[in-house]
């Protein structure tokens, strides 16, 4: 279940985010939120995007949008990645975006928030052998990207 609190009132009882239709959540490995929208990342790497309902009038609705490739020659085709994404992160303005971590290639994918259009991919210059990628973070204001591999944290400036 996903619970929501009205106006950050943690002393009051929360209500369910979903109404009648609850998406499949048994395989959700990570989630992120942005202005009430909910991004659910599944273990196979696909995303479920949920838009909140409006009071009791319009229920919350969820879709499974496809990742869209925007590179030259691949415009508006589904993005195909070599391995599943394992972590999702949403950043606020000045560059509201969705970032996804792909552990196998140590890559971070940058997508537009609303329609999951691929913007760019960030890869280390050398594939690190210090261990598995375990986490990442993005600071859109200072333009830094962080990548945790084993017991080390690497960072770089975003272009």
Foldseek 3Di string as FASTA:
>chain_A
DDWDDPPPPPVDDTDDQFDPDDDDQPQFQEWDDDPSWIWTAGPQAWIKIWHGADPVPGGIDIDGAFQAEPDPPRHRHGDDDPGHWRYWDFDDPPQTWIWTADWVQRKIWIAHPPRNYTDDIDHDPDPDPLAIWDDKDADVVQQKIWTDGNPDIDMDGHD
